[in-house]
Amino acid sequence: LKDERLKAVLNGAAKAFGWGKSKREVVGYGIAGGFEKGGYVAACAEVSVDRANGKVKLLRVVEAFECGAIVNPNQLRNQIEGSVVMAIGGALFESIDFDNGKIANGRFSRYRVPRFSDVPVIETVLIDRKDLPSAGAGETPIVITWCQVSGVRYRVPGAWCQVPGVSPSSIALVSCLLQRGLSTITRSSTILSSSLAWISRRTPA
């Protein structure tokens, strides 16, 4: 890996998480890294799945973040934690349902978002680069968790299940946009593309 900043956040997340140590058989583990708006992020996730009902639960997330010089550490930690929770919603629950061309779940009571019981243990590792100007921290932390939850490879045979936010149509749409190279798709989306491609190969028809 040639990018030293990306290498630093990956090493930071892996060290804090304990990556490489013995793992439980019924739990899946994922690690990912990327960058957006001048900020670099990497995270390790621990995910469980109930083989009886296919329910996925995020148990622990360790996210390392570097956005140049840190101005407000507490606010940055809050931003990272909030981004993790928001990513859980998009990966596991949030979905707009359509019926005959109309939105079928147009009420908040029918639109599932993360609850307190869905929030995992969240640990943050801040890398302060005072030699660099401060960069984006508003959206960058969210790009990693979604990919981990959606694309983590479970060690339990047959435990893979399709999550609500990932459908064949969404996979096809993102793949098409990335192949066409539209300017609205950022470089960090290549991580998402890889994750979606992995899902499409392993999601039952």
C-alpha atoms as a PDB file:
ATOM      1  CA  LEU A   1       0.000   0.000   0.000  1.00  0.00           C
ATOM      2  CA  LYS A   2       1.675   3.216  -1.190  1.00  0.00           C
ATOM      3  CA  ASP A   3      -0.645   5.789   0.358  1.00  0.00           C
ATOM      4  CA  GLU A   4       0.894   6.464   3.774  1.00  0.00           C
ATOM      5  CA  ARG A   5      -2.198   8.229   5.123  1.00  0.00           C
ATOM      6  CA  LEU A   6      -4.451   5.321   4.194  1.00  0.00           C
ATOM      7  CA  LYS A   7      -1.926   2.899   5.645  1.00  0.00           C
ATOM      8  CA  ALA A   8      -1.893   4.865   8.912  1.00  0.00           C
ATOM      9  CA  VAL A   9      -5.658   4.684   9.461  1.00  0.00           C
ATOM     10  CA  LEU A  10      -5.775   0.992   8.526  1.00  0.00           C
ATOM     11  CA  ASN A  11      -3.002   0.199  11.000  1.00  0.00           C
ATOM     12  CA  GLY A  12      -4.639   2.367  13.654  1.00  0.00           C
ATOM     13  CA  ALA A  13      -8.005   0.646  13.347  1.00  0.00           C
ATOM     14  CA  ALA A  14      -6.496  -2.851  13.183  1.00  0.00           C
ATOM     15  CA  LYS A  15      -4.321  -2.311  16.258  1.00  0.00           C
ATOM     16  CA  ALA A  16      -7.152  -0.910  18.389  1.00  0.00           C
ATOM     17  CA  PHE A  17      -9.510  -3.661  17.239  1.00  0.00           C
ATOM     18  CA  GLY A  18      -7.065  -6.501  17.797  1.00  0.00           C
ATOM     19  CA  TRP A  19      -7.188  -7.639  14.186  1.00  0.00           C
ATOM     20  CA  GLY A  20      -5.471 -10.980  13.653  1.00  0.00           C
ATOM     21  CA  LYS A  21      -6.267 -12.387  17.078  1.00  0.00           C
ATOM     22  CA  SER A  22      -8.430 -15.489  17.507  1.00  0.00           C
ATOM     23  CA  LYS A  23     -12.030 -14.947  16.453  1.00  0.00           C
ATOM     24  CA  ARG A  24     -15.332 -16.486  17.439  1.00  0.00           C
ATOM     25  CA  GLU A  25     -16.799 -18.969  14.973  1.00  0.00           C
ATOM     26  CA  VAL A  26     -20.304 -17.470  14.975  1.00  0.00           C
ATOM     27  CA  VAL A  27     -19.160 -13.915  14.282  1.00  0.00           C
ATOM     28  CA  GLY A  28     -18.084 -12.242  11.037  1.00  0.00           C
ATOM     29  CA  TYR A  29     -15.261  -9.706  10.850  1.00  0.00           C
ATOM     30  CA  GLY A  30     -14.566  -6.996   8.306  1.00  0.00           C
ATOM     31  CA  ILE A  31     -11.973  -4.313   7.675  1.00  0.00           C
ATOM     32  CA  ALA A  32     -12.068  -1.524   5.101  1.00  0.00           C
ATOM     33  CA  GLY A  33     -10.431   1.793   4.333  1.00  0.00           C
ATOM     34  CA  GLY A  34     -10.991   4.758   2.062  1.00  0.00           C
ATOM     35  CA  PHE A  35     -10.885   8.517   1.640  1.00  0.00           C
ATOM     36  CA  GLU A  36     -13.262  11.348   0.832  1.00  0.00           C
ATOM     37  CA  LYS A  37     -12.926  15.154   0.784  1.00  0.00           C
ATOM     38  CA  GLY A  38      -9.342  15.023   2.003  1.00  0.00           C
ATOM     39  CA  GLY A  39     -10.134  12.824   5.013  1.00  0.00           C
ATOM     40  CA  TYR A  40      -8.934   9.243   5.479  1.00  0.00           C
ATOM     41  CA  VAL A  41     -10.881   6.569   7.332  1.00  0.00           C
ATOM     42  CA  ALA A  42     -10.548   2.885   8.190  1.00  0.00           C
ATOM     43  CA  ALA A  43     -12.650   0.665  10.391  1.00  0.00           C
ATOM     44  CA  CYS A  44     -12.936  -2.864  11.706  1.00  0.00           C
ATOM     45  CA  ALA A  45     -16.330  -4.375  12.428  1.00  0.00           C
ATOM     46  CA  GLU A  46     -17.619  -7.366  14.342  1.00  0.00           C
ATOM     47  CA  VAL A  47     -20.949  -8.678  13.068  1.00  0.00           C
ATOM     48  CA  SER A  48     -23.150 -11.518  14.287  1.00  0.00           C
ATOM     49  CA  VAL A  49     -25.905 -13.335  12.443  1.00  0.00           C
ATOM     50  CA  ASP A  50     -28.716 -15.456  13.848  1.00  0.00           C
ATOM     51  CA  ARG A  51     -28.762 -18.541  11.639  1.00  0.00           C
ATOM     52  CA  ALA A  52     -32.337 -19.284  12.645  1.00  0.00           C
ATOM     53  CA  ASN A  53     -33.867 -16.049  11.357  1.00  0.00           C
ATOM     54  CA  GLY A  54     -31.025 -14.422   9.402  1.00  0.00           C
ATOM     55  CA  LYS A  55     -31.000 -11.341  11.639  1.00  0.00           C
ATOM     56  CA  VAL A  56     -27.782  -9.350  11.392  1.00  0.00           C
ATOM     57  CA  LYS A  57     -26.429  -7.353  14.325  1.00  0.00           C
ATOM     58  CA  LEU A  58     -23.385  -5.130  14.482  1.00  0.00           C
ATOM     59  CA  LEU A  59     -21.568  -5.813  17.760  1.00  0.00           C
ATOM     60  CA  ARG A  60     -18.495  -3.591  17.635  1.00  0.00           C
ATOM     61  CA  VAL A  61     -16.944  -0.976  15.369  1.00  0.00           C
ATOM     62  CA  VAL A  62     -13.471   0.525  15.703  1.00  0.00           C
ATOM     63  CA  GLU A  63     -12.968   3.463  13.349  1.00  0.00           C
ATOM     64  CA  ALA A  64      -9.717   5.330  12.793  1.00  0.00           C
ATOM     65  CA  PHE A  65      -9.955   8.760  11.198  1.00  0.00           C
ATOM     66  CA  GLU A  66      -7.484  11.312   9.908  1.00  0.00           C
ATOM     67  CA  CYS A  67      -8.599  14.634   8.469  1.00  0.00           C
ATOM     68  CA  GLY A  68      -5.435  16.656   8.821  1.00  0.00           C
ATOM     69  CA  ALA A  69      -5.136  18.905  11.862  1.00  0.00           C
ATOM     70  CA  ILE A  70      -7.882  18.244  14.422  1.00  0.00           C
ATOM     71  CA  VAL A  71      -9.570  21.404  15.682  1.00  0.00           C
ATOM     72  CA  ASN A  72     -12.213  19.948  18.014  1.00  0.00           C
ATOM     73  CA  PRO A  73     -11.526  16.325  19.096  1.00  0.00           C
ATOM     74  CA  ASN A  74     -14.794  15.850  20.995  1.00  0.00           C
ATOM     75  CA  GLN A  75     -16.889  17.114  18.110  1.00  0.00           C
ATOM     76  CA  LEU A  76     -14.992  14.881  15.699  1.00  0.00           C
ATOM     77  CA  ARG A  77     -15.673  11.821  17.860  1.00  0.00           C
ATOM     78  CA  ASN A  78     -19.359  12.751  17.949  1.00  0.00           C
ATOM     79  CA  GLN A  79     -19.376  13.049  14.167  1.00  0.00           C
ATOM     80  CA  ILE A  80     -17.764   9.642  13.714  1.00  0.00           C
ATOM     81  CA  GLU A  81     -20.151   7.917  16.117  1.00  0.00           C
ATOM     82  CA  GLY A  82     -23.156   9.528  14.461  1.00  0.00           C
ATOM     83  CA  SER A  83     -21.914   8.465  11.039  1.00  0.00           C
ATOM     84  CA  VAL A  84     -21.575   4.860  12.180  1.00  0.00           C
ATOM     85  CA  VAL A  85     -25.168   4.836  13.433  1.00  0.00           C
ATOM     86  CA  MET A  86     -26.410   6.429  10.209  1.00  0.00           C
ATOM     87  CA  ALA A  87     -24.524   3.838   8.155  1.00  0.00           C
ATOM     88  CA  ILE A  88     -26.164   1.024  10.111  1.00  0.00           C
ATOM     89  CA  GLY A  89     -29.545   2.341   9.018  1.00  0.00           C
ATOM     90  CA  GLY A  90     -28.602   2.343   5.352  1.00  0.00           C
ATOM     91  CA  ALA A  91     -26.968  -1.080   5.526  1.00  0.00           C
ATOM     92  CA  LEU A  92     -29.543  -3.000   7.536  1.00  0.00           C
ATOM     93  CA  PHE A  93     -32.883  -1.245   7.719  1.00  0.00           C
ATOM     94  CA  GLU A  94     -33.625   1.827   5.638  1.00  0.00           C
ATOM     95  CA  SER A  95     -35.402   1.143   2.367  1.00  0.00           C
ATOM     96  CA  ILE A  96     -38.066   2.906   0.299  1.00  0.00           C
ATOM     97  CA  ASP A  97     -40.675   0.397  -0.835  1.00  0.00           C
ATOM     98  CA  PHE A  98     -42.701   0.898  -4.006  1.00  0.00           C
ATOM     99  CA  ASP A  99     -46.050  -0.597  -4.968  1.00  0.00           C
ATOM    100  CA  ASN A 100     -47.407   0.036  -8.467  1.00  0.00           C
ATOM    101  CA  GLY A 101     -45.249   3.135  -8.838  1.00  0.00           C
ATOM    102  CA  LYS A 102     -46.177   4.610  -5.463  1.00  0.00           C
ATOM    103  CA  ILE A 103     -44.188   4.791  -2.240  1.00  0.00           C
ATOM    104  CA  ALA A 104     -45.620   2.155   0.090  1.00  0.00           C
ATOM    105  CA  ASN A 105     -43.873   3.192   3.305  1.00  0.00           C
ATOM    106  CA  GLY A 106     -44.323   6.949   3.240  1.00  0.00           C
ATOM    107  CA  ARG A 107     -44.641   7.309   7.006  1.00  0.00           C
ATOM    108  CA  PHE A 108     -41.933   7.419   9.637  1.00  0.00           C
ATOM    109  CA  SER A 109     -43.754   4.624  11.469  1.00  0.00           C
ATOM    110  CA  ARG A 110     -43.121   2.362   8.461  1.00  0.00           C
ATOM    111  CA  TYR A 111     -39.587   3.507   7.689  1.00  0.00           C
ATOM    112  CA  ARG A 112     -37.163   1.539   9.859  1.00  0.00           C
ATOM    113  CA  VAL A 113     -34.227   3.480  11.270  1.00  0.00           C
ATOM    114  CA  PRO A 114     -31.615   2.372  13.830  1.00  0.00           C
ATOM    115  CA  ARG A 115     -32.783   2.110  17.432  1.00  0.00           C
ATOM    116  CA  PHE A 116     -30.746   2.237  20.614  1.00  0.00           C
ATOM    117  CA  SER A 117     -30.724  -1.567  20.684  1.00  0.00           C
ATOM    118  CA  ASP A 118     -29.113  -1.619  17.221  1.00  0.00           C
ATOM    119  CA  VAL A 119     -26.146   0.563  18.185  1.00  0.00           C
ATOM    120  CA  PRO A 120     -22.900  -1.385  18.703  1.00  0.00           C
ATOM    121  CA  VAL A 121     -19.895  -0.562  20.822  1.00  0.00           C
ATOM    122  CA  ILE A 122     -18.190   2.264  18.907  1.00  0.00           C
ATOM    123  CA  GLU A 123     -14.517   3.080  19.454  1.00  0.00           C
ATOM    124  CA  THR A 124     -12.711   5.910  17.688  1.00  0.00           C
ATOM    125  CA  VAL A 125      -9.028   6.386  16.937  1.00  0.00           C
ATOM    126  CA  LEU A 126      -8.139   9.965  16.017  1.00  0.00           C
ATOM    127  CA  ILE A 127      -4.948  10.610  14.068  1.00  0.00           C
ATOM    128  CA  ASP A 128      -3.955  14.251  14.398  1.00  0.00           C
ATOM    129  CA  ARG A 129      -1.813  15.549  11.528  1.00  0.00           C
ATOM    130  CA  LYS A 130      -0.876  19.057  12.605  1.00  0.00           C
ATOM    131  CA  ASP A 131       1.377  19.306   9.564  1.00  0.00           C
ATOM    132  CA  LEU A 132      -1.662  19.178   7.259  1.00  0.00           C
ATOM    133  CA  PRO A 133      -4.620  21.558   6.843  1.00  0.00           C
ATOM    134  CA  SER A 134      -7.948  20.445   8.305  1.00  0.00           C
ATOM    135  CA  ALA A 135     -10.072  18.513   5.806  1.00  0.00           C
ATOM    136  CA  GLY A 136     -13.583  17.112   5.486  1.00  0.00           C
ATOM    137  CA  ALA A 137     -15.060  15.200   8.402  1.00  0.00           C
ATOM    138  CA  GLY A 138     -18.783  15.601   7.789  1.00  0.00           C
ATOM    139  CA  GLU A 139     -19.450  12.642   5.498  1.00  0.00           C
ATOM    140  CA  THR A 140     -16.187  10.722   5.251  1.00  0.00           C
ATOM    141  CA  PRO A 141     -16.717   8.508   8.349  1.00  0.00           C
ATOM    142  CA  ILE A 142     -19.939   7.035   6.926  1.00  0.00           C
ATOM    143  CA  VAL A 143     -18.517   5.450   3.782  1.00  0.00           C
ATOM    144  CA  ILE A 144     -16.813   2.526   5.522  1.00  0.00           C
ATOM    145  CA  THR A 145     -19.363   1.027   7.928  1.00  0.00           C
ATOM    146  CA  TRP A 146     -21.972   0.445   5.223  1.00  0.00           C
ATOM    147  CA  CYS A 147     -19.545  -1.612   3.169  1.00  0.00           C
ATOM    148  CA  GLN A 148     -18.420  -3.657   6.144  1.00  0.00           C
ATOM    149  CA  VAL A 149     -21.897  -4.619   7.295  1.00  0.00           C
ATOM    150  CA  SER A 150     -23.036  -5.405   3.764  1.00  0.00           C
ATOM    151  CA  GLY A 151     -19.922  -7.165   2.524  1.00  0.00           C
ATOM    152  CA  VAL A 152     -18.405  -8.923   5.529  1.00  0.00           C
ATOM    153  CA  ARG A 153     -17.784 -12.581   4.868  1.00  0.00           C
ATOM    154  CA  TYR A 154     -19.196 -14.740   7.614  1.00  0.00           C
ATOM    155  CA  ARG A 155     -17.148 -17.678   8.795  1.00  0.00           C
ATOM    156  CA  VAL A 156     -20.365 -19.598   9.447  1.00  0.00           C
ATOM    157  CA  PRO A 157     -21.197 -21.636   6.293  1.00  0.00           C
ATOM    158  CA  GLY A 158     -24.561 -20.698   4.810  1.00  0.00           C
ATOM    159  CA  ALA A 159     -24.982 -17.724   7.115  1.00  0.00           C
ATOM    160  CA  TRP A 160     -25.015 -15.140   4.308  1.00  0.00           C
ATOM    161  CA  CYS A 161     -28.305 -13.283   4.015  1.00  0.00           C
ATOM    162  CA  GLN A 162     -29.500 -10.355   1.945  1.00  0.00           C
ATOM    163  CA  VAL A 163     -30.000  -7.168   3.938  1.00  0.00           C
ATOM    164  CA  PRO A 164     -32.973  -4.860   3.202  1.00  0.00           C
ATOM    165  CA  GLY A 165     -30.899  -1.978   1.887  1.00  0.00           C
ATOM    166  CA  VAL A 166     -29.166  -4.101  -0.744  1.00  0.00           C
ATOM    167  CA  SER A 167     -31.324  -5.304  -3.630  1.00  0.00           C
ATOM    168  CA  PRO A 168     -30.386  -6.613  -7.083  1.00  0.00           C
ATOM    169  CA  SER A 169     -31.711  -3.379  -8.585  1.00  0.00           C
ATOM    170  CA  SER A 170     -29.528  -1.186  -6.354  1.00  0.00           C
ATOM    171  CA  ILE A 171     -26.495  -3.328  -7.156  1.00  0.00           C
ATOM    172  CA  ALA A 172     -27.164  -2.980 -10.888  1.00  0.00           C
ATOM    173  CA  LEU A 173     -27.712   0.783 -10.621  1.00  0.00           C
ATOM    174  CA  VAL A 174     -24.500   1.534  -8.742  1.00  0.00           C
ATOM    175  CA  SER A 175     -22.480  -0.785 -10.990  1.00  0.00           C
ATOM    176  CA  CYS A 176     -23.883   0.949 -14.078  1.00  0.00           C
ATOM    177  CA  LEU A 177     -23.086   4.421 -12.742  1.00  0.00           C
ATOM    178  CA  LEU A 178     -19.552   3.451 -11.834  1.00  0.00           C
ATOM    179  CA  GLN A 179     -18.935   1.829 -15.220  1.00  0.00           C
ATOM    180  CA  ARG A 180     -20.129   4.979 -16.972  1.00  0.00           C
ATOM    181  CA  GLY A 181     -17.779   7.055 -14.810  1.00  0.00           C
ATOM    182  CA  LEU A 182     -20.323   9.715 -13.888  1.00  0.00           C
ATOM    183  CA  SER A 183     -18.781  12.721 -12.140  1.00  0.00           C
ATOM    184  CA  THR A 184     -21.214  12.390  -9.236  1.00  0.00           C
ATOM    185  CA  ILE A 185     -19.598   9.111  -8.196  1.00  0.00           C
ATOM    186  CA  THR A 186     -16.567   9.817  -6.023  1.00  0.00           C
ATOM    187  CA  ARG A 187     -13.411   7.742  -5.726  1.00  0.00           C
ATOM    188  CA  SER A 188     -14.462   6.451  -2.326  1.00  0.00           C
ATOM    189  CA  SER A 189     -17.410   4.796  -4.060  1.00  0.00           C
ATOM    190  CA  THR A 190     -15.039   2.218  -5.510  1.00  0.00           C
ATOM    191  CA  ILE A 191     -15.136   0.633  -2.069  1.00  0.00           C
ATOM    192  CA  LEU A 192     -18.930   0.533  -2.266  1.00  0.00           C
ATOM    193  CA  SER A 193     -18.756  -0.903  -5.775  1.00  0.00           C
ATOM    194  CA  SER A 194     -16.455  -3.706  -4.664  1.00  0.00           C
ATOM    195  CA  SER A 195     -18.743  -4.490  -1.752  1.00  0.00           C
ATOM    196  CA  LEU A 196     -21.823  -4.568  -3.978  1.00  0.00           C
ATOM    197  CA  ALA A 197     -20.066  -6.790  -6.492  1.00  0.00           C
ATOM    198  CA  TRP A 198     -19.185  -9.183  -3.662  1.00  0.00           C
ATOM    199  CA  ILE A 199     -22.814  -9.196  -2.512  1.00  0.00           C
ATOM    200  CA  SER A 200     -24.189  -9.848  -6.000  1.00  0.00           C
ATOM    201  CA  ARG A 201     -22.028 -12.962  -6.324  1.00  0.00           C
ATOM    202  CA  ARG A 202     -23.202 -14.378  -3.003  1.00  0.00           C
ATOM    203  CA  THR A 203     -26.809 -13.299  -2.662  1.00  0.00           C
ATOM    204  CA  PRO A 204     -29.240 -16.156  -3.368  1.00  0.00           C
ATOM    205  CA  ALA A 205     -31.533 -15.575  -6.353  1.00  0.00           C
END
